[in-house]
């Protein structure tokens, strides 16, 4: 087996048929592919849909779930030499997504790769679109500098994972935690712009806040120098609103999106402030890189 696609699920029936259909239609040349669902207690049609697409299903109790632990369970069950990780609410674009994502691993250009993420028009929030463009630009970096990575659309060599599994205790950013460790050991991370998925977030505002709070808590372990203060909260919230509003004006979407922009950026940075509650010194350069909206 060459490629094992691993999908973490909890009630993902809305987008799972489209995701699995896109996986079934991939042109992987001579590579053999399997799909593994790691389910943490779905009560909708998630498992029924998975069985209809001949997925292998493994489970984890909700009480035992962490992002890293669920991925480790899926990776341990996988037979492929490439472990492809994708969110249950992402949809790959084009038939070469898998091949493009895994080719740099096959050539040993890098041991951990991640692909581009874009919005689904009509579903994604306007500010999320701006974040996708910031973190997932149209140009590949093979290999890249630094250890940014994102498991919503990524691939990892199984032999590398076997020697360095995902951290099972972090509250989020298990991808960056692993990438930082791998880079410290001399491994390379690669960004592949032509391995594209639509990432569909349909969160309520409190869920947006919790997502960024969870990630800020994890970021303290990955980058212990980071401290996000009250002035930072006001500065980045205001900057985010102003930059997004400018982009919305250019796209003639200002009136439709202003309220959403204000809410998203406020919840994003309020969650970040809440999660990052330890007083540590942070260089201006590092703070600009990770928090400034553009």
Foldseek 3Di string as FASTA:
>chain_A
DAEEEEEEDAQLVVQQLQALVLVVLACQPPDDYAYEYEYADHPDCVVVSCVVSVHHYDYDHPVQDAPQVSVVVSLVPDDHQKYWFAYSQKHWDDRCLVNLQCVCCVVQLFFKEFEQEAADPPFDALLVRLVSCLVHPQDKPRFDPAQDHDRNTMMGGSVLCVVPGFDRPQLDPSRSVSSLVCVVVVGTYIYGHVNYIYHGDRDDLLVLLQVLLSVLLRVCVVPVQDAQDPVNLVVQLVQQLVVSLVVCVVVVNNVVRNVVSNSNSNSNSNSNNNNRPDDHHDDPVVCCSPRRSD
